[in-house]
Structure formats: structure tokens, C-alpha cells
């Protein structure tokens, strides 16, 4: 039971991370990375990783 719950939680975390990455990428189209980093309390490195991450939430899924 606990194993299944942990798997569900891991999947939900992956989905949330993909959506967050897609949102950051959308914001980068109109705003500087430094502004986004301050708004979300992220490092510039995290913004850079989001900008260059695999595009999991594009097309019909997004």
C-alpha cells in the first residue's frame, strides 16, 4: 500500500515539475530570467535548467 502511494506521489511530483518548467519557459518569452528567478525564489541556474529542459508539456498535452 505504501509503495503504491509513493509511486503516485512520485508521478504527481513529475507532473508538477513539468508544468512548472513549462510555465517558466512561457514567462521567459516576455521577461528576463532574473525577474522570473526573483519572483519564484529560484536560482539563475534553475531558470537555465528549466529553459533547456525536455519539453514534456507541449502540443496536445499542454
PDB file of N, CA and C in Angstrom:
ATOM      1  N   UNK A   1       0.827  -1.196   0.000  1.00  0.00           N
ATOM      2  CA  UNK A   1       0.000   0.000   0.000  1.00  0.00           C
ATOM      3  C   UNK A   1       0.868   1.254   0.000  1.00  0.00           C
ATOM      4  N   UNK A   2       1.835   1.286   0.897  1.00  0.00           N
ATOM      5  CA  UNK A   2       2.711   2.449   0.981  1.00  0.00           C
ATOM      6  C   UNK A   2       3.507   2.627  -0.305  1.00  0.00           C
ATOM      7  N   UNK A   3       3.937   1.529  -0.891  1.00  0.00           N
ATOM      8  CA  UNK A   3       4.680   1.593  -2.147  1.00  0.00           C
ATOM      9  C   UNK A   3       3.864   2.221  -3.265  1.00  0.00           C
ATOM     10  N   UNK A   4       2.591   1.862  -3.336  1.00  0.00           N
ATOM     11  CA  UNK A   4       1.713   2.437  -4.364  1.00  0.00           C
ATOM     12  C   UNK A   4       1.517   3.927  -4.137  1.00  0.00           C
ATOM     13  N   UNK A   5       1.355   4.307  -2.893  1.00  0.00           N
ATOM     14  CA  UNK A   5       1.195   5.730  -2.589  1.00  0.00           C
ATOM     15  C   UNK A   5       2.448   6.517  -2.942  1.00  0.00           C
ATOM     16  N   UNK A   6       3.607   5.931  -2.668  1.00  0.00           N
ATOM     17  CA  UNK A   6       4.862   6.598  -3.020  1.00  0.00           C
ATOM     18  C   UNK A   6       5.013   6.728  -4.533  1.00  0.00           C
ATOM     19  N   UNK A   7       4.598   5.718  -5.266  1.00  0.00           N
ATOM     20  CA  UNK A   7       4.649   5.793  -6.727  1.00  0.00           C
ATOM     21  C   UNK A   7       3.720   6.885  -7.245  1.00  0.00           C
ATOM     22  N   UNK A   8       2.520   6.963  -6.672  1.00  0.00           N
ATOM     23  CA  UNK A   8       1.577   8.011  -7.072  1.00  0.00           C
ATOM     24  C   UNK A   8       2.139   9.390  -6.775  1.00  0.00           C
ATOM     25  N   UNK A   9       2.740   9.535  -5.613  1.00  0.00           N
ATOM     26  CA  UNK A   9       3.327  10.820  -5.227  1.00  0.00           C
ATOM     27  C   UNK A   9       4.473  11.195  -6.161  1.00  0.00           C
ATOM     28  N   UNK A  10       5.292  10.224  -6.521  1.00  0.00           N
ATOM     29  CA  UNK A  10       6.402  10.487  -7.438  1.00  0.00           C
ATOM     30  C   UNK A  10       5.882  10.928  -8.799  1.00  0.00           C
ATOM     31  N   UNK A  11       4.837  10.283  -9.284  1.00  0.00           N
ATOM     32  CA  UNK A  11       4.250  10.664 -10.575  1.00  0.00           C
ATOM     33  C   UNK A  11       3.662  12.065 -10.517  1.00  0.00           C
ATOM     34  N   UNK A  12       2.964  12.374  -9.447  1.00  0.00           N
ATOM     35  CA  UNK A  12       2.410  13.721  -9.283  1.00  0.00           C
ATOM     36  C   UNK A  12       3.514  14.766  -9.230  1.00  0.00           C
ATOM     37  N   UNK A  13       4.608  14.442  -8.575  1.00  0.00           N
ATOM     38  CA  UNK A  13       5.742  15.373  -8.497  1.00  0.00           C
ATOM     39  C   UNK A  13       6.340  15.620  -9.873  1.00  0.00           C
ATOM     40  N   UNK A  14       6.444  14.564 -10.678  1.00  0.00           N
ATOM     41  CA  UNK A  14       6.970  14.723 -12.042  1.00  0.00           C
ATOM     42  C   UNK A  14       6.055  15.620 -12.876  1.00  0.00           C
ATOM     43  N   UNK A  15       4.757  15.438 -12.726  1.00  0.00           N
ATOM     44  CA  UNK A  15       3.804  16.253 -13.484  1.00  0.00           C
ATOM     45  C   UNK A  15       3.886  17.715 -13.053  1.00  0.00           C
ATOM     46  N   UNK A  16       3.952  17.949 -11.760  1.00  0.00           N
ATOM     47  CA  UNK A  16       4.057  19.325 -11.251  1.00  0.00           C
ATOM     48  C   UNK A  16       5.344  19.980 -11.748  1.00  0.00           C
ATOM     49  N   UNK A  17       6.439  19.234 -11.730  1.00  0.00           N
ATOM     50  CA  UNK A  17       7.709  19.782 -12.209  1.00  0.00           C
ATOM     51  C   UNK A  17       7.635  20.114 -13.697  1.00  0.00           C
ATOM     52  N   UNK A  18       6.978  19.280 -14.477  1.00  0.00           N
ATOM     53  CA  UNK A  18       6.849  19.545 -15.916  1.00  0.00           C
ATOM     54  C   UNK A  18       6.023  20.798 -16.167  1.00  0.00           C
ATOM     55  N   UNK A  19       4.948  20.959 -15.417  1.00  0.00           N
ATOM     56  CA  UNK A  19       4.105  22.139 -15.581  1.00  0.00           C
ATOM     57  C   UNK A  19       4.861  23.394 -15.148  1.00  0.00           C
ATOM     58  N   UNK A  20       5.576  23.303 -14.055  1.00  0.00           N
ATOM     59  CA  UNK A  20       6.367  24.456 -13.569  1.00  0.00           C
ATOM     60  C   UNK A  20       7.423  24.843 -14.606  1.00  0.00           C
ATOM     61  N   UNK A  21       8.093  23.858 -15.162  1.00  0.00           N
ATOM     62  CA  UNK A  21       9.106  24.124 -16.183  1.00  0.00           C
ATOM     63  C   UNK A  21       8.480  24.792 -17.400  1.00  0.00           C
ATOM     64  N   UNK A  22       7.325  24.303 -17.825  1.00  0.00           N
ATOM     65  CA  UNK A  22       6.637  24.896 -18.976  1.00  0.00           C
ATOM     66  C   UNK A  22       6.215  26.331 -18.677  1.00  0.00           C
ATOM     67  N   UNK A  23       5.758  26.580 -17.462  1.00  0.00           N
ATOM     68  CA  UNK A  23       5.353  27.939 -17.085  1.00  0.00           C
ATOM     69  C   UNK A  23       6.543  28.889 -17.089  1.00  0.00           C
ATOM     70  N   UNK A  24       7.668  28.433 -16.572  1.00  0.00           N
ATOM     71  CA  UNK A  24       8.871  29.267 -16.577  1.00  0.00           C
ATOM     72  C   UNK A  24       9.288  29.561 -18.015  1.00  0.00           C
ATOM     73  N   UNK A  25       9.232  28.547 -18.857  1.00  0.00           N
ATOM     74  CA  UNK A  25       9.609  28.735 -20.261  1.00  0.00           C
ATOM     75  C   UNK A  25       8.694  29.750 -20.939  1.00  0.00           C
ATOM     76  N   UNK A  26       7.402  29.702 -20.640  1.00  0.00           N
ATOM     77  CA  UNK A  26       6.454  30.671 -21.193  1.00  0.00           C
ATOM     78  C   UNK A  26       6.806  32.083 -20.737  1.00  0.00           C
ATOM     79  N   UNK A  27       7.131  32.235 -19.470  1.00  0.00           N
ATOM     80  CA  UNK A  27       7.462  33.552 -18.933  1.00  0.00           C
ATOM     81  C   UNK A  27       8.747  34.090 -19.542  1.00  0.00           C
ATOM     82  N   UNK A  28       9.682  33.202 -19.852  1.00  0.00           N
ATOM     83  CA  UNK A  28      10.951  33.631 -20.442  1.00  0.00           C
ATOM     84  C   UNK A  28      10.763  34.268 -21.813  1.00  0.00           C
ATOM     85  N   UNK A  29       9.634  34.005 -22.450  1.00  0.00           N
ATOM     86  CA  UNK A  29       9.373  34.597 -23.758  1.00  0.00           C
ATOM     87  C   UNK A  29       9.144  36.098 -23.655  1.00  0.00           C
ATOM     88  N   UNK A  30       8.733  36.582 -22.480  1.00  0.00           N
ATOM     89  CA  UNK A  30       8.405  38.001 -22.338  1.00  0.00           C
ATOM     90  C   UNK A  30       9.150  38.706 -21.210  1.00  0.00           C
ATOM     91  N   UNK A  31       9.838  37.947 -20.373  1.00  0.00           N
ATOM     92  CA  UNK A  31      10.504  38.561 -19.222  1.00  0.00           C
ATOM     93  C   UNK A  31      11.922  38.033 -19.075  1.00  0.00           C
ATOM     94  N   UNK A  32      12.806  38.841 -18.499  1.00  0.00           N
ATOM     95  CA  UNK A  32      14.174  38.375 -18.254  1.00  0.00           C
ATOM     96  C   UNK A  32      14.203  37.273 -17.192  1.00  0.00           C
ATOM     97  N   UNK A  33      15.163  36.386 -17.329  1.00  0.00           N
ATOM     98  CA  UNK A  33      15.303  35.294 -16.371  1.00  0.00           C
ATOM     99  C   UNK A  33      15.514  35.759 -14.945  1.00  0.00           C
ATOM    100  N   UNK A  34      16.223  36.868 -14.758  1.00  0.00           N
ATOM    101  CA  UNK A  34      16.479  37.373 -13.406  1.00  0.00           C
ATOM    102  C   UNK A  34      15.184  37.764 -12.707  1.00  0.00           C
ATOM    103  N   UNK A  35      14.254  38.342 -13.452  1.00  0.00           N
ATOM    104  CA  UNK A  35      12.959  38.744 -12.875  1.00  0.00           C
ATOM    105  C   UNK A  35      12.164  37.502 -12.468  1.00  0.00           C
ATOM    106  N   UNK A  36      12.158  36.510 -13.329  1.00  0.00           N
ATOM    107  CA  UNK A  36      11.438  35.267 -13.039  1.00  0.00           C
ATOM    108  C   UNK A  36      12.069  34.558 -11.846  1.00  0.00           C
ATOM    109  N   UNK A  37      13.390  34.535 -11.801  1.00  0.00           N
ATOM    110  CA  UNK A  37      14.086  33.898 -10.683  1.00  0.00           C
ATOM    111  C   UNK A  37      13.712  34.555  -9.355  1.00  0.00           C
ATOM    112  N   UNK A  38      13.684  35.880  -9.326  1.00  0.00           N
ATOM    113  CA  UNK A  38      13.302  36.574  -8.086  1.00  0.00           C
ATOM    114  C   UNK A  38      11.853  36.287  -7.712  1.00  0.00           C
ATOM    115  N   UNK A  39      10.970  36.307  -8.692  1.00  0.00           N
ATOM    116  CA  UNK A  39       9.544  36.094  -8.435  1.00  0.00           C
ATOM    117  C   UNK A  39       9.285  34.722  -7.821  1.00  0.00           C
ATOM    118  N   UNK A  40       9.971  33.718  -8.332  1.00  0.00           N
ATOM    119  CA  UNK A  40       9.731  32.347  -7.889  1.00  0.00           C
ATOM    120  C   UNK A  40      10.758  31.862  -6.872  1.00  0.00           C
ATOM    121  N   UNK A  41      11.645  32.748  -6.462  1.00  0.00           N
ATOM    122  CA  UNK A  41      12.685  32.408  -5.477  1.00  0.00           C
ATOM    123  C   UNK A  41      13.532  31.233  -5.965  1.00  0.00           C
ATOM    124  N   UNK A  42      13.969  31.338  -7.218  1.00  0.00           N
ATOM    125  CA  UNK A  42      14.804  30.315  -7.832  1.00  0.00           C
ATOM    126  C   UNK A  42      16.164  30.907  -8.176  1.00  0.00           C
ATOM    127  N   UNK A  43      17.140  30.046  -8.311  1.00  0.00           N
ATOM    128  CA  UNK A  43      18.459  30.498  -8.750  1.00  0.00           C
ATOM    129  C   UNK A  43      18.454  30.697 -10.260  1.00  0.00           C
ATOM    130  N   UNK A  44      19.416  31.446 -10.756  1.00  0.00           N
ATOM    131  CA  UNK A  44      19.539  31.614 -12.205  1.00  0.00           C
ATOM    132  C   UNK A  44      19.825  30.270 -12.867  1.00  0.00           C
ATOM    133  N   UNK A  45      20.543  29.408 -12.144  1.00  0.00           N
ATOM    134  CA  UNK A  45      20.843  28.078 -12.666  1.00  0.00           C
ATOM    135  C   UNK A  45      19.550  27.272 -12.847  1.00  0.00           C
ATOM    136  N   UNK A  46      18.624  27.380 -11.910  1.00  0.00           N
ATOM    137  CA  UNK A  46      17.345  26.666 -12.025  1.00  0.00           C
ATOM    138  C   UNK A  46      16.550  27.181 -13.227  1.00  0.00           C
ATOM    139  N   UNK A  47      16.584  28.490 -13.456  1.00  0.00           N
ATOM    140  CA  UNK A  47      15.898  29.068 -14.613  1.00  0.00           C
ATOM    141  C   UNK A  47      16.533  28.552 -15.896  1.00  0.00           C
ATOM    142  N   UNK A  48      17.853  28.487 -15.917  1.00  0.00           N
ATOM    143  CA  UNK A  48      18.570  27.989 -17.089  1.00  0.00           C
ATOM    144  C   UNK A  48      18.204  26.526 -17.359  1.00  0.00           C
ATOM    145  N   UNK A  49      18.147  25.717 -16.306  1.00  0.00           N
ATOM    146  CA  UNK A  49      17.773  24.308 -16.481  1.00  0.00           C
ATOM    147  C   UNK A  49      16.355  24.181 -17.020  1.00  0.00           C
ATOM    148  N   UNK A  50      15.447  25.023 -16.513  1.00  0.00           N
ATOM    149  CA  UNK A  50      14.057  24.982 -16.991  1.00  0.00           C
ATOM    150  C   UNK A  50      13.987  25.363 -18.464  1.00  0.00           C
ATOM    151  N   UNK A  51      14.768  26.346 -18.846  1.00  0.00           N
ATOM    152  CA  UNK A  51      14.748  26.813 -20.232  1.00  0.00           C
ATOM    153  C   UNK A  51      15.278  25.744 -21.191  1.00  0.00           C
ATOM    154  N   UNK A  52      16.173  24.916 -20.707  1.00  0.00           N
ATOM    155  CA  UNK A  52      16.809  23.917 -21.575  1.00  0.00           C
ATOM    156  C   UNK A  52      16.312  22.492 -21.333  1.00  0.00           C
ATOM    157  N   UNK A  53      15.320  22.333 -20.479  1.00  0.00           N
ATOM    158  CA  UNK A  53      14.806  21.003 -20.144  1.00  0.00           C
ATOM    159  C   UNK A  53      14.008  20.429 -21.313  1.00  0.00           C
ATOM    160  N   UNK A  54      13.808  19.136 -21.255  1.00  0.00           N
ATOM    161  CA  UNK A  54      12.966  18.476 -22.259  1.00  0.00           C
ATOM    162  C   UNK A  54      11.566  19.073 -22.191  1.00  0.00           C
ATOM    163  N   UNK A  55      10.969  19.224 -23.325  1.00  0.00           N
ATOM    164  CA  UNK A  55       9.658  19.874 -23.409  1.00  0.00           C
ATOM    165  C   UNK A  55       8.548  18.833 -23.261  1.00  0.00           C
ATOM    166  N   UNK A  56       8.237  18.513 -22.012  1.00  0.00           N
ATOM    167  CA  UNK A  56       7.263  17.460 -21.727  1.00  0.00           C
ATOM    168  C   UNK A  56       5.828  17.945 -21.922  1.00  0.00           C
ATOM    169  N   UNK A  57       5.591  19.231 -21.753  1.00  0.00           N
ATOM    170  CA  UNK A  57       4.207  19.732 -21.802  1.00  0.00           C
ATOM    171  C   UNK A  57       4.019  20.633 -23.014  1.00  0.00           C
ATOM    172  N   UNK A  58       4.100  20.049 -24.177  1.00  0.00           N
ATOM    173  CA  UNK A  58       3.828  20.781 -25.402  1.00  0.00           C
ATOM    174  C   UNK A  58       2.818  20.009 -26.237  1.00  0.00           C
ATOM    175  N   UNK A  59       2.260  20.664 -27.196  1.00  0.00           N
ATOM    176  CA  UNK A  59       1.307  20.015 -28.077  1.00  0.00           C
ATOM    177  C   UNK A  59      -0.021  19.779 -27.395  1.00  0.00           C
ATOM    178  N   UNK A  60      -0.622  18.650 -27.675  1.00  0.00           N
ATOM    179  CA  UNK A  60      -1.951  18.346 -27.161  1.00  0.00           C
ATOM    180  C   UNK A  60      -1.981  18.244 -25.642  1.00  0.00           C
ATOM    181  N   UNK A  61      -0.903  17.785 -25.036  1.00  0.00           N
ATOM    182  CA  UNK A  61      -0.864  17.624 -23.574  1.00  0.00           C
ATOM    183  C   UNK A  61      -0.982  18.975 -22.885  1.00  0.00           C
ATOM    184  N   UNK A  62      -0.332  19.958 -23.434  1.00  0.00           N
ATOM    185  CA  UNK A  62      -0.330  21.286 -22.812  1.00  0.00           C
ATOM    186  C   UNK A  62      -1.656  21.935 -23.073  1.00  0.00           C
TER     187      UNK A  62
END
